[in-house]
Amino acid sequence: FSGIETIRMVRDTDTGIVAFDPPVLGDAAFYNALRA
């Protein structure tokens, strides 16, 4: 989340898809920690 202060949770009014903006993605270290 470096440099990011807030995450917006938004719904696309045309498609109904809900997304988090900006889309912060997990890296390999993050998923390795979860798989533990």
All heavy atoms as atom14 arrays in JSON, in Angstrom:
{
  "sequence": "FSGIETIRMVRDTDTGIVAFDPPVLGDAAFYNALRA",
  "atom14_mask": [
    [1, 1, 1, 1, 1, 1, 1, 1, 1, 1, 1, 0, 0, 0],
    [1, 1, 1, 1, 1, 1, 0, 0, 0, 0, 0, 0, 0, 0],
    [1, 1, 1, 1, 0, 0, 0, 0, 0, 0, 0, 0, 0, 0],
    [1, 1, 1, 1, 1, 1, 1, 1, 0, 0, 0, 0, 0, 0],
    [1, 1, 1, 1, 1, 1, 1, 1, 1, 0, 0, 0, 0, 0],
    [1, 1, 1, 1, 1, 1, 1, 0, 0, 0, 0, 0, 0, 0],
    [1, 1, 1, 1, 1, 1, 1, 1, 0, 0, 0, 0, 0, 0],
    [1, 1, 1, 1, 1, 1, 1, 1, 1, 1, 1, 0, 0, 0],
    [1, 1, 1, 1, 1, 1, 1, 1, 0, 0, 0, 0, 0, 0],
    [1, 1, 1, 1, 1, 1, 1, 0, 0, 0, 0, 0, 0, 0],
    [1, 1, 1, 1, 1, 1, 1, 1, 1, 1, 1, 0, 0, 0],
    [1, 1, 1, 1, 1, 1, 1, 1, 0, 0, 0, 0, 0, 0],
    [1, 1, 1, 1, 1, 1, 1, 0, 0, 0, 0, 0, 0, 0],
    [1, 1, 1, 1, 1, 1, 1, 1, 0, 0, 0, 0, 0, 0],
    [1, 1, 1, 1, 1, 1, 1, 0, 0, 0, 0, 0, 0, 0],
    [1, 1, 1, 1, 0, 0, 0, 0, 0, 0, 0, 0, 0, 0],
    [1, 1, 1, 1, 1, 1, 1, 1, 0, 0, 0, 0, 0, 0],
    [1, 1, 1, 1, 1, 1, 1, 0, 0, 0, 0, 0, 0, 0],
    [1, 1, 1, 1, 1, 0, 0, 0, 0, 0, 0, 0, 0, 0],
    [1, 1, 1, 1, 1, 1, 1, 1, 1, 1, 1, 0, 0, 0],
    [1, 1, 1, 1, 1, 1, 1, 1, 0, 0, 0, 0, 0, 0],
    [1, 1, 1, 1, 1, 1, 1, 0, 0, 0, 0, 0, 0, 0],
    [1, 1, 1, 1, 1, 1, 1, 0, 0, 0, 0, 0, 0, 0],
    [1, 1, 1, 1, 1, 1, 1, 0, 0, 0, 0, 0, 0, 0],
    [1, 1, 1, 1, 1, 1, 1, 1, 0, 0, 0, 0, 0, 0],
    [1, 1, 1, 1, 0, 0, 0, 0, 0, 0, 0, 0, 0, 0],
    [1, 1, 1, 1, 1, 1, 1, 1, 0, 0, 0, 0, 0, 0],
    [1, 1, 1, 1, 1, 0, 0, 0, 0, 0, 0, 0, 0, 0],
    [1, 1, 1, 1, 1, 0, 0, 0, 0, 0, 0, 0, 0, 0],
    [1, 1, 1, 1, 1, 1, 1, 1, 1, 1, 1, 0, 0, 0],
    [1, 1, 1, 1, 1, 1, 1, 1, 1, 1, 1, 1, 0, 0],
    [1, 1, 1, 1, 1, 1, 1, 1, 0, 0, 0, 0, 0, 0],
    [1, 1, 1, 1, 1, 0, 0, 0, 0, 0, 0, 0, 0, 0],
    [1, 1, 1, 1, 1, 1, 1, 1, 0, 0, 0, 0, 0, 0],
    [1, 1, 1, 1, 1, 1, 1, 1, 1, 1, 1, 0, 0, 0],
    [1, 1, 1, 1, 1, 0, 0, 0, 0, 0, 0, 0, 0, 0]
  ],
  "atom14_positions": [
    [[0.82, -1.22, 0.0], [0.0, 0.0, 0.0], [0.85, 1.27, 0.0], [0.35, 2.35, 0.29], [-0.91, 0.01, 1.23], [-1.98, -1.04, 1.22], [-1.78, -2.26, 1.84], [-3.2, -0.81, 0.59], [-2.77, -3.23, 1.84], [-4.2, -1.77, 0.58], [-3.98, -2.99, 1.2], [0.0, 0.0, 0.0], [0.0, 0.0, 0.0], [0.0, 0.0, 0.0]],
    [[2.12, 1.14, -0.31], [3.04, 2.29, -0.28], [2.51, 3.45, -1.13], [2.17, 3.27, -2.31], [4.42, 1.87, -0.77], [5.3, 2.96, -0.78], [0.0, 0.0, 0.0], [0.0, 0.0, 0.0], [0.0, 0.0, 0.0], [0.0, 0.0, 0.0], [0.0, 0.0, 0.0], [0.0, 0.0, 0.0], [0.0, 0.0, 0.0], [0.0, 0.0, 0.0]],
    [[2.41, 4.63, -0.52], [1.95, 5.81, -1.23], [0.45, 5.92, -1.38], [-0.06, 6.87, -1.99], [0.0, 0.0, 0.0], [0.0, 0.0, 0.0], [0.0, 0.0, 0.0], [0.0, 0.0, 0.0], [0.0, 0.0, 0.0], [0.0, 0.0, 0.0], [0.0, 0.0, 0.0], [0.0, 0.0, 0.0], [0.0, 0.0, 0.0], [0.0, 0.0, 0.0]],
    [[-0.3, 4.96, -0.83], [-1.77, 4.96, -0.95], [-2.38, 5.28, 0.4], [-2.08, 4.61, 1.4], [-2.28, 3.59, -1.45], [-1.7, 3.28, -2.82], [-3.81, 3.56, -1.49], [-2.0, 1.88, -3.32], [0.0, 0.0, 0.0], [0.0, 0.0, 0.0], [0.0, 0.0, 0.0], [0.0, 0.0, 0.0], [0.0, 0.0, 0.0], [0.0, 0.0, 0.0]],
    [[-3.21, 6.29, 0.46], [-3.85, 6.68, 1.72], [-5.21, 6.03, 1.9], [-5.57, 5.64, 3.02], [-3.98, 8.2, 1.79], [-2.64, 8.93, 1.9], [-2.82, 10.41, 2.14], [-4.0, 10.88, 2.26], [-1.81, 11.12, 2.21], [0.0, 0.0, 0.0], [0.0, 0.0, 0.0], [0.0, 0.0, 0.0], [0.0, 0.0, 0.0], [0.0, 0.0, 0.0]],
    [[-5.99, 5.93, 0.83], [-7.33, 5.35, 0.93], [-7.6, 4.43, -0.25], [-7.03, 4.59, -1.34], [-8.42, 6.43, 0.96], [-8.34, 7.23, -0.24], [-8.28, 7.33, 2.18], [0.0, 0.0, 0.0], [0.0, 0.0, 0.0], [0.0, 0.0, 0.0], [0.0, 0.0, 0.0], [0.0, 0.0, 0.0], [0.0, 0.0, 0.0], [0.0, 0.0, 0.0]],
    [[-8.48, 3.47, -0.02], [-8.98, 2.57, -1.05], [-10.47, 2.81, -1.21], [-11.21, 2.77, -0.21], [-8.73, 1.09, -0.68], [-7.24, 0.8, -0.5], [-9.35, 0.17, -1.73], [-6.44, 0.8, -1.78], [0.0, 0.0, 0.0], [0.0, 0.0, 0.0], [0.0, 0.0, 0.0], [0.0, 0.0, 0.0], [0.0, 0.0, 0.0], [0.0, 0.0, 0.0]],
    [[-10.92, 3.06, -2.42], [-12.34, 3.26, -2.69], [-12.96, 1.93, -3.11], [-12.41, 1.21, -3.94], [-12.55, 4.3, -3.77], [-12.08, 5.68, -3.42], [-12.1, 6.61, -4.63], [-13.42, 6.73, -5.22], [-13.73, 6.36, -6.47], [-12.82, 5.8, -7.25], [-14.97, 6.52, -6.93], [0.0, 0.0, 0.0], [0.0, 0.0, 0.0], [0.0, 0.0, 0.0]],
    [[-14.11, 1.62, -2.54], [-14.88, 0.45, -2.94], [-16.03, 0.98, -3.8], [-16.87, 1.75, -3.33], [-15.41, -0.28, -1.72], [-16.13, -1.58, -2.0], [-16.64, -2.35, -0.43], [-17.44, -3.83, -1.05], [0.0, 0.0, 0.0], [0.0, 0.0, 0.0], [0.0, 0.0, 0.0], [0.0, 0.0, 0.0], [0.0, 0.0, 0.0], [0.0, 0.0, 0.0]],
    [[-16.03, 0.6, -5.1], [-16.98, 1.18, -6.04], [-17.72, 0.09, -6.8], [-17.22, -1.02, -6.96], [-16.27, 2.12, -7.04], [-15.6, 3.29, -6.32], [-15.24, 1.36, -7.88], [0.0, 0.0, 0.0], [0.0, 0.0, 0.0], [0.0, 0.0, 0.0], [0.0, 0.0, 0.0], [0.0, 0.0, 0.0], [0.0, 0.0, 0.0], [0.0, 0.0, 0.0]],
    [[-18.92, 0.44, -7.27], [-19.71, -0.47, -8.09], [-19.87, 0.13, -9.48], [-20.25, 1.3, -9.62], [-21.08, -0.72, -7.48], [-21.95, -1.66, -8.35], [-23.37, -1.78, -7.85], [-23.47, -2.53, -6.61], [-23.84, -2.02, -5.45], [-24.15, -0.72, -5.36], [-23.91, -2.76, -4.37], [0.0, 0.0, 0.0], [0.0, 0.0, 0.0], [0.0, 0.0, 0.0]],
    [[-19.55, -0.65, -10.51], [-19.77, -0.23, -11.89], [-21.28, -0.21, -12.12], [-21.95, -1.23, -12.01], [-19.08, -1.21, -12.84], [-19.13, -0.77, -14.28], [-20.21, -0.41, -14.76], [-18.07, -0.81, -14.93], [0.0, 0.0, 0.0], [0.0, 0.0, 0.0], [0.0, 0.0, 0.0], [0.0, 0.0, 0.0], [0.0, 0.0, 0.0], [0.0, 0.0, 0.0]],
    [[-21.83, 0.94, -12.47], [-23.28, 1.07, -12.59], [-23.82, 0.35, -13.83], [-25.02, 0.09, -13.91], [-23.69, 2.55, -12.64], [-22.97, 3.22, -13.68], [-23.37, 3.24, -11.31], [0.0, 0.0, 0.0], [0.0, 0.0, 0.0], [0.0, 0.0, 0.0], [0.0, 0.0, 0.0], [0.0, 0.0, 0.0], [0.0, 0.0, 0.0], [0.0, 0.0, 0.0]],
    [[-22.96, 0.05, -14.78], [-23.4, -0.67, -15.98], [-23.34, -2.18, -15.8], [-24.25, -2.9, -16.22], [-22.55, -0.27, -17.19], [-22.76, 1.18, -17.61], [-23.9, 1.66, -17.49], [-21.78, 1.81, -18.02], [0.0, 0.0, 0.0], [0.0, 0.0, 0.0], [0.0, 0.0, 0.0], [0.0, 0.0, 0.0], [0.0, 0.0, 0.0], [0.0, 0.0, 0.0]],
    [[-22.27, -2.67, -15.19], [-22.07, -4.12, -15.1], [-22.39, -4.7, -13.73], [-22.59, -5.91, -13.61], [-20.61, -4.48, -15.43], [-19.75, -3.94, -14.4], [-20.19, -3.91, -16.77], [0.0, 0.0, 0.0], [0.0, 0.0, 0.0], [0.0, 0.0, 0.0], [0.0, 0.0, 0.0], [0.0, 0.0, 0.0], [0.0, 0.0, 0.0], [0.0, 0.0, 0.0]],
    [[-22.4, -3.86, -12.69], [-22.63, -4.36, -11.33], [-21.38, -4.9, -10.67], [-21.43, -5.32, -9.51], [0.0, 0.0, 0.0], [0.0, 0.0, 0.0], [0.0, 0.0, 0.0], [0.0, 0.0, 0.0], [0.0, 0.0, 0.0], [0.0, 0.0, 0.0], [0.0, 0.0, 0.0], [0.0, 0.0, 0.0], [0.0, 0.0, 0.0], [0.0, 0.0, 0.0]],
    [[-20.26, -4.9, -11.36], [-19.01, -5.4, -10.78], [-18.55, -4.44, -9.69], [-18.5, -3.22, -9.89], [-17.91, -5.53, -11.85], [-18.34, -6.52, -12.94], [-16.59, -5.97, -11.22], [-17.43, -6.54, -14.14], [0.0, 0.0, 0.0], [0.0, 0.0, 0.0], [0.0, 0.0, 0.0], [0.0, 0.0, 0.0], [0.0, 0.0, 0.0], [0.0, 0.0, 0.0]],
    [[-18.23, -4.97, -8.53], [-17.69, -4.17, -7.42], [-16.17, -4.33, -7.43], [-15.66, -5.44, -7.55], [-18.27, -4.62, -6.08], [-17.56, -3.92, -4.92], [-19.77, -4.33, -6.03], [0.0, 0.0, 0.0], [0.0, 0.0, 0.0], [0.0, 0.0, 0.0], [0.0, 0.0, 0.0], [0.0, 0.0, 0.0], [0.0, 0.0, 0.0], [0.0, 0.0, 0.0]],
    [[-15.47, -3.21, -7.34], [-14.01, -3.25, -7.39], [-13.42, -2.31, -6.36], [-14.07, -1.36, -5.9], [-13.52, -2.85, -8.79], [0.0, 0.0, 0.0], [0.0, 0.0, 0.0], [0.0, 0.0, 0.0], [0.0, 0.0, 0.0], [0.0, 0.0, 0.0], [0.0, 0.0, 0.0], [0.0, 0.0, 0.0], [0.0, 0.0, 0.0], [0.0, 0.0, 0.0]],
    [[-12.18, -2.6, -5.98], [-11.44, -1.74, -5.08], [-10.46, -0.91, -5.91], [-9.74, -1.45, -6.75], [-10.69, -2.58, -4.04], [-11.59, -3.29, -3.07], [-12.06, -4.56, -3.35], [-11.98, -2.68, -1.89], [-12.9, -5.23, -2.46], [-12.82, -3.34, -0.99], [-13.29, -4.61, -1.28], [0.0, 0.0, 0.0], [0.0, 0.0, 0.0], [0.0, 0.0, 0.0]],
    [[-10.46, 0.41, -5.67], [-9.67, 1.33, -6.46], [-8.8, 2.2, -5.55], [-9.34, 2.87, -4.66], [-10.62, 2.21, -7.28], [-9.88, 3.15, -8.23], [-8.78, 2.78, -8.68], [-10.41, 4.24, -8.49], [0.0, 0.0, 0.0], [0.0, 0.0, 0.0], [0.0, 0.0, 0.0], [0.0, 0.0, 0.0], [0.0, 0.0, 0.0], [0.0, 0.0, 0.0]],
    [[-7.47, 2.19, -5.74], [-6.73, 1.43, -6.75], [-6.66, -0.06, -6.42], [-6.77, -0.44, -5.25], [-5.34, 2.07, -6.68], [-5.2, 2.57, -5.3], [-6.57, 3.03, -4.91], [0.0, 0.0, 0.0], [0.0, 0.0, 0.0], [0.0, 0.0, 0.0], [0.0, 0.0, 0.0], [0.0, 0.0, 0.0], [0.0, 0.0, 0.0], [0.0, 0.0, 0.0]],
    [[-6.47, -0.9, -7.44], [-6.43, -2.35, -7.23], [-5.08, -2.81, -6.71], [-4.17, -3.11, -7.48], [-6.71, -2.9, -8.63], [-6.18, -1.86, -9.55], [-6.38, -0.54, -8.86], [0.0, 0.0, 0.0], [0.0, 0.0, 0.0], [0.0, 0.0, 0.0], [0.0, 0.0, 0.0], [0.0, 0.0, 0.0], [0.0, 0.0, 0.0], [0.0, 0.0, 0.0]],
    [[-4.95, -2.88, -5.4], [-3.68, -3.3, -4.78], [-3.59, -4.82, -4.82], [-4.45, -5.51, -4.25], [-3.59, -2.78, -3.33], [-2.3, -3.27, -2.68], [-3.66, -1.26, -3.31], [0.0, 0.0, 0.0], [0.0, 0.0, 0.0], [0.0, 0.0, 0.0], [0.0, 0.0, 0.0], [0.0, 0.0, 0.0], [0.0, 0.0, 0.0], [0.0, 0.0, 0.0]],
    [[-2.55, -5.34, -5.46], [-2.4, -6.78, -5.65], [-1.39, -7.38, -4.68], [-0.37, -6.76, -4.37], [-1.94, -7.07, -7.09], [-2.85, -6.55, -8.21], [-2.16, -6.76, -9.56], [-4.18, -7.24, -8.19], [0.0, 0.0, 0.0], [0.0, 0.0, 0.0], [0.0, 0.0, 0.0], [0.0, 0.0, 0.0], [0.0, 0.0, 0.0], [0.0, 0.0, 0.0]],
    [[-1.66, -8.59, -4.22], [-0.72, -9.3, -3.38], [0.46, -9.81, -4.19], [0.31, -10.14, -5.37], [0.0, 0.0, 0.0], [0.0, 0.0, 0.0], [0.0, 0.0, 0.0], [0.0, 0.0, 0.0], [0.0, 0.0, 0.0], [0.0, 0.0, 0.0], [0.0, 0.0, 0.0], [0.0, 0.0, 0.0], [0.0, 0.0, 0.0], [0.0, 0.0, 0.0]],
    [[1.64, -9.87, -3.57], [2.81, -10.4, -4.24], [3.08, -11.84, -3.78], [2.3, -12.41, -3.01], [4.03, -9.5, -4.0], [4.35, -9.32, -2.52], [3.77, -10.03, -1.68], [5.19, -8.45, -2.21], [0.0, 0.0, 0.0], [0.0, 0.0, 0.0], [0.0, 0.0, 0.0], [0.0, 0.0, 0.0], [0.0, 0.0, 0.0], [0.0, 0.0, 0.0]],
    [[4.17, -12.42, -4.27], [4.47, -13.82, -3.95], [4.65, -14.02, -2.45], [4.18, -15.02, -1.89], [5.73, -14.26, -4.7], [0.0, 0.0, 0.0], [0.0, 0.0, 0.0], [0.0, 0.0, 0.0], [0.0, 0.0, 0.0], [0.0, 0.0, 0.0], [0.0, 0.0, 0.0], [0.0, 0.0, 0.0], [0.0, 0.0, 0.0], [0.0, 0.0, 0.0]],
    [[5.31, -13.07, -1.79], [5.52, -13.19, -0.34], [4.19, -13.19, 0.41], [4.01, -13.94, 1.38], [6.41, -12.05, 0.16], [0.0, 0.0, 0.0], [0.0, 0.0, 0.0], [0.0, 0.0, 0.0], [0.0, 0.0, 0.0], [0.0, 0.0, 0.0], [0.0, 0.0, 0.0], [0.0, 0.0, 0.0], [0.0, 0.0, 0.0], [0.0, 0.0, 0.0]],
    [[3.26, -12.37, -0.05], [1.94, -12.29, 0.58], [1.22, -13.64, 0.48], [0.7, -14.16, 1.48], [1.12, -11.19, -0.09], [-0.33, -11.15, 0.32], [-0.7, -10.59, 1.53], [-1.32, -11.66, -0.5], [-2.03, -10.55, 1.93], [-2.65, -11.62, -0.13], [-3.01, -11.06, 1.09], [0.0, 0.0, 0.0], [0.0, 0.0, 0.0], [0.0, 0.0, 0.0]],
    [[1.21, -14.24, -0.71], [0.49, -15.5, -0.89], [1.22, -16.68, -0.23], [0.59, -17.62, 0.24], [0.23, -15.76, -2.38], [-0.94, -14.93, -2.86], [-0.74, -13.77, -3.6], [-2.24, -15.29, -2.51], [-1.81, -13.0, -4.01], [-3.32, -14.52, -2.92], [-3.1, -13.37, -3.66], [-4.16, -12.6, -4.04], [0.0, 0.0, 0.0], [0.0, 0.0, 0.0]],
    [[2.53, -16.62, -0.17], [3.25, -17.66, 0.56], [2.89, -17.63, 2.03], [2.77, -18.67, 2.69], [4.76, -17.48, 0.37], [5.23, -17.93, -1.0], [4.58, -18.73, -1.66], [6.37, -17.4, -1.43], [0.0, 0.0, 0.0], [0.0, 0.0, 0.0], [0.0, 0.0, 0.0], [0.0, 0.0, 0.0], [0.0, 0.0, 0.0], [0.0, 0.0, 0.0]],
    [[2.71, -16.41, 2.58], [2.32, -16.28, 3.99], [0.92, -16.83, 4.21], [0.65, -17.5, 5.21], [2.39, -14.81, 4.41], [0.0, 0.0, 0.0], [0.0, 0.0, 0.0], [0.0, 0.0, 0.0], [0.0, 0.0, 0.0], [0.0, 0.0, 0.0], [0.0, 0.0, 0.0], [0.0, 0.0, 0.0], [0.0, 0.0, 0.0], [0.0, 0.0, 0.0]],
    [[0.02, -16.6, 3.27], [-1.34, -17.12, 3.41], [-1.36, -18.64, 3.31], [-2.1, -19.31, 4.04], [-2.25, -16.52, 2.34], [-2.91, -15.18, 2.64], [-3.78, -14.74, 1.47], [-3.74, -15.24, 3.92], [0.0, 0.0, 0.0], [0.0, 0.0, 0.0], [0.0, 0.0, 0.0], [0.0, 0.0, 0.0], [0.0, 0.0, 0.0], [0.0, 0.0, 0.0]],
    [[-0.55, -19.18, 2.41], [-0.55, -20.64, 2.23], [0.01, -21.37, 3.44], [-0.14, -22.59, 3.57], [0.24, -21.01, 0.98], [-0.48, -20.65, -0.31], [0.16, -21.31, -1.53], [-0.56, -20.95, -2.74], [-0.2, -19.97, -3.57], [0.9, -19.28, -3.33], [-0.92, -19.7, -4.64], [0.0, 0.0, 0.0], [0.0, 0.0, 0.0], [0.0, 0.0, 0.0]],
    [[0.66, -20.64, 4.33], [1.14, -21.26, 5.56], [-0.01, -21.68, 6.46], [0.15, -22.54, 7.34], [2.07, -20.3, 6.31], [0.0, 0.0, 0.0], [0.0, 0.0, 0.0], [0.0, 0.0, 0.0], [0.0, 0.0, 0.0], [0.0, 0.0, 0.0], [0.0, 0.0, 0.0], [0.0, 0.0, 0.0], [0.0, 0.0, 0.0], [0.0, 0.0, 0.0]]
  ]
}
